[in-house]
Amino acid sequence: MDRASRLDALLRTHDGRPPQSDLRVVLLGGETRANALRRAAALHLHESLAAEARLAVAGRRRTQSAATARADAWLARLAATLAHHRRAAVALRDQRKAYSQ
């Protein structure tokens, strides 16, 4: 069944707007593909945010001495953000490897 006929069938089964999750699955070509695209988008987001945090940490660290960097709350927050997004990206990469095996 092609995408147009799946969309037509979905719209016939609902009086108003179909649920967003069902519409997403139909438009993206099935639940497996929709989930794969969702995981890929989440991975890309976490990788991008980790890269931005890494650059921000480097820029902030460059402007401070070792003594002031240790007490800088903003630098500590940036480092925590970097760690969070790195952990999330690694977890999503591990999931992707598990699904591909």
C-alpha atoms as a PDB file:
ATOM      1  CA  MET A   1       0.000   0.000   0.000  1.00  0.00           C
ATOM      2  CA  ASP A   2       1.481   3.332  -0.986  1.00  0.00           C
ATOM      3  CA  ARG A   3       1.601   6.425   1.188  1.00  0.00           C
ATOM      4  CA  ALA A   4      -1.382   8.125  -0.461  1.00  0.00           C
ATOM      5  CA  SER A   5      -3.666   5.162   0.101  1.00  0.00           C
ATOM      6  CA  ARG A   6      -2.467   4.757   3.719  1.00  0.00           C
ATOM      7  CA  LEU A   7      -3.158   8.458   4.321  1.00  0.00           C
ATOM      8  CA  ASP A   8      -6.562   8.163   2.679  1.00  0.00           C
ATOM      9  CA  ALA A   9      -7.413   5.157   4.865  1.00  0.00           C
ATOM     10  CA  LEU A  10      -6.309   7.030   7.985  1.00  0.00           C
ATOM     11  CA  LEU A  11      -8.394  10.095   7.128  1.00  0.00           C
ATOM     12  CA  ARG A  12     -11.466   7.918   6.440  1.00  0.00           C
ATOM     13  CA  THR A  13     -11.273   6.359   9.907  1.00  0.00           C
ATOM     14  CA  HIS A  14     -11.386   9.699  11.768  1.00  0.00           C
ATOM     15  CA  ASP A  15     -14.095  12.372  11.762  1.00  0.00           C
ATOM     16  CA  GLY A  16     -11.732  15.181  12.724  1.00  0.00           C
ATOM     17  CA  ARG A  17      -7.981  15.393  12.601  1.00  0.00           C
ATOM     18  CA  PRO A  18      -6.259  12.038  13.089  1.00  0.00           C
ATOM     19  CA  PRO A  19      -3.924  11.687  16.078  1.00  0.00           C
ATOM     20  CA  GLN A  20      -0.550  13.291  15.481  1.00  0.00           C
ATOM     21  CA  SER A  21       1.356  10.060  16.151  1.00  0.00           C
ATOM     22  CA  ASP A  22      -0.714   8.093  13.617  1.00  0.00           C
ATOM     23  CA  LEU A  23      -0.325  10.817  11.008  1.00  0.00           C
ATOM     24  CA  ARG A  24       3.440  10.895  11.551  1.00  0.00           C
ATOM     25  CA  VAL A  25       3.685   7.123  11.076  1.00  0.00           C
ATOM     26  CA  VAL A  26       1.653   7.224   7.864  1.00  0.00           C
ATOM     27  CA  LEU A  27       3.534  10.166   6.372  1.00  0.00           C
ATOM     28  CA  LEU A  28       6.957   8.724   7.193  1.00  0.00           C
ATOM     29  CA  GLY A  29       6.230   5.321   5.686  1.00  0.00           C
ATOM     30  CA  GLY A  30       5.502   3.053   8.622  1.00  0.00           C
ATOM     31  CA  GLU A  31       6.246   2.750  12.307  1.00  0.00           C
ATOM     32  CA  THR A  32       9.707   1.240  11.870  1.00  0.00           C
ATOM     33  CA  ARG A  33      10.859   4.039   9.589  1.00  0.00           C
ATOM     34  CA  ALA A  34       9.237   6.720  11.769  1.00  0.00           C
ATOM     35  CA  ASN A  35      11.036   5.398  14.863  1.00  0.00           C
ATOM     36  CA  ALA A  36      14.341   5.170  13.003  1.00  0.00           C
ATOM     37  CA  LEU A  37      13.994   8.779  11.834  1.00  0.00           C
ATOM     38  CA  ARG A  38      13.049   9.904  15.353  1.00  0.00           C
ATOM     39  CA  ARG A  39      16.142   8.212  16.808  1.00  0.00           C
ATOM     40  CA  ALA A  40      18.366   9.681  14.085  1.00  0.00           C
ATOM     41  CA  ALA A  41      16.981  13.166  14.741  1.00  0.00           C
ATOM     42  CA  ALA A  42      17.546  12.796  18.492  1.00  0.00           C
ATOM     43  CA  LEU A  43      21.103  11.597  17.878  1.00  0.00           C
ATOM     44  CA  HIS A  44      21.809  14.548  15.578  1.00  0.00           C
ATOM     45  CA  LEU A  45      20.344  16.972  18.141  1.00  0.00           C
ATOM     46  CA  HIS A  46      22.467  15.628  21.010  1.00  0.00           C
ATOM     47  CA  GLU A  47      25.617  15.557  18.875  1.00  0.00           C
ATOM     48  CA  SER A  48      25.032  19.176  17.798  1.00  0.00           C
ATOM     49  CA  LEU A  49      24.328  20.364  21.330  1.00  0.00           C
ATOM     50  CA  ALA A  50      27.407  18.527  22.639  1.00  0.00           C
ATOM     51  CA  ALA A  51      29.554  20.222  19.982  1.00  0.00           C
ATOM     52  CA  GLU A  52      28.145  23.646  20.898  1.00  0.00           C
ATOM     53  CA  ALA A  53      28.740  22.992  24.605  1.00  0.00           C
ATOM     54  CA  ARG A  54      32.299  21.833  23.904  1.00  0.00           C
ATOM     55  CA  LEU A  55      33.051  25.046  22.030  1.00  0.00           C
ATOM     56  CA  ALA A  56      31.445  27.128  24.781  1.00  0.00           C
ATOM     57  CA  VAL A  57      33.503  25.356  27.458  1.00  0.00           C
ATOM     58  CA  ALA A  58      36.680  25.899  25.470  1.00  0.00           C
ATOM     59  CA  GLY A  59      35.904  29.583  24.945  1.00  0.00           C
ATOM     60  CA  ARG A  60      35.004  30.158  28.582  1.00  0.00           C
ATOM     61  CA  ARG A  61      38.052  28.227  29.827  1.00  0.00           C
ATOM     62  CA  ARG A  62      40.360  30.186  27.529  1.00  0.00           C
ATOM     63  CA  THR A  63      39.370  33.458  29.216  1.00  0.00           C
ATOM     64  CA  GLN A  64      40.169  32.301  32.754  1.00  0.00           C
ATOM     65  CA  SER A  65      43.114  31.225  34.822  1.00  0.00           C
ATOM     66  CA  ALA A  66      43.198  27.775  36.410  1.00  0.00           C
ATOM     67  CA  ALA A  67      42.310  29.191  39.830  1.00  0.00           C
ATOM     68  CA  THR A  68      39.241  31.115  38.638  1.00  0.00           C
ATOM     69  CA  ALA A  69      38.056  28.315  36.357  1.00  0.00           C
ATOM     70  CA  ARG A  70      37.699  25.957  39.303  1.00  0.00           C
ATOM     71  CA  ALA A  71      35.233  28.313  41.034  1.00  0.00           C
ATOM     72  CA  ASP A  72      33.324  29.415  37.908  1.00  0.00           C
ATOM     73  CA  ALA A  73      29.685  28.284  38.200  1.00  0.00           C
ATOM     74  CA  TRP A  74      28.950  29.023  34.529  1.00  0.00           C
ATOM     75  CA  LEU A  75      31.841  26.837  33.395  1.00  0.00           C
ATOM     76  CA  ALA A  76      30.656  24.044  35.691  1.00  0.00           C
ATOM     77  CA  ARG A  77      27.167  24.296  34.193  1.00  0.00           C
ATOM     78  CA  LEU A  78      28.552  24.168  30.655  1.00  0.00           C
ATOM     79  CA  ALA A  79      30.616  21.097  31.567  1.00  0.00           C
ATOM     80  CA  ALA A  80      27.508  19.399  33.002  1.00  0.00           C
ATOM     81  CA  THR A  81      25.576  20.211  29.816  1.00  0.00           C
ATOM     82  CA  LEU A  82      28.396  18.804  27.710  1.00  0.00           C
ATOM     83  CA  ALA A  83      28.467  15.598  29.775  1.00  0.00           C
ATOM     84  CA  HIS A  84      24.690  15.200  29.505  1.00  0.00           C
ATOM     85  CA  HIS A  85      24.599  15.537  25.713  1.00  0.00           C
ATOM     86  CA  ARG A  86      27.625  13.290  25.237  1.00  0.00           C
ATOM     87  CA  ARG A  87      26.006  10.575  27.384  1.00  0.00           C
ATOM     88  CA  ALA A  88      22.738  10.884  25.472  1.00  0.00           C
ATOM     89  CA  ALA A  89      24.500  10.686  22.094  1.00  0.00           C
ATOM     90  CA  VAL A  90      26.496   7.632  23.154  1.00  0.00           C
ATOM     91  CA  ALA A  91      23.341   5.913  24.430  1.00  0.00           C
ATOM     92  CA  LEU A  92      21.541   6.601  21.145  1.00  0.00           C
ATOM     93  CA  ARG A  93      24.529   5.335  19.153  1.00  0.00           C
ATOM     94  CA  ASP A  94      24.546   2.144  21.237  1.00  0.00           C
ATOM     95  CA  GLN A  95      20.817   1.715  20.573  1.00  0.00           C
ATOM     96  CA  ARG A  96      21.419   2.141  16.856  1.00  0.00           C
ATOM     97  CA  LYS A  97      24.122  -0.535  16.931  1.00  0.00           C
ATOM     98  CA  ALA A  98      21.808  -2.884  18.831  1.00  0.00           C
ATOM     99  CA  TYR A  99      18.991  -2.370  16.288  1.00  0.00           C
ATOM    100  CA  SER A 100      21.315  -2.950  13.331  1.00  0.00           C
ATOM    101  CA  GLN A 101      22.574  -6.322  14.599  1.00  0.00           C
END
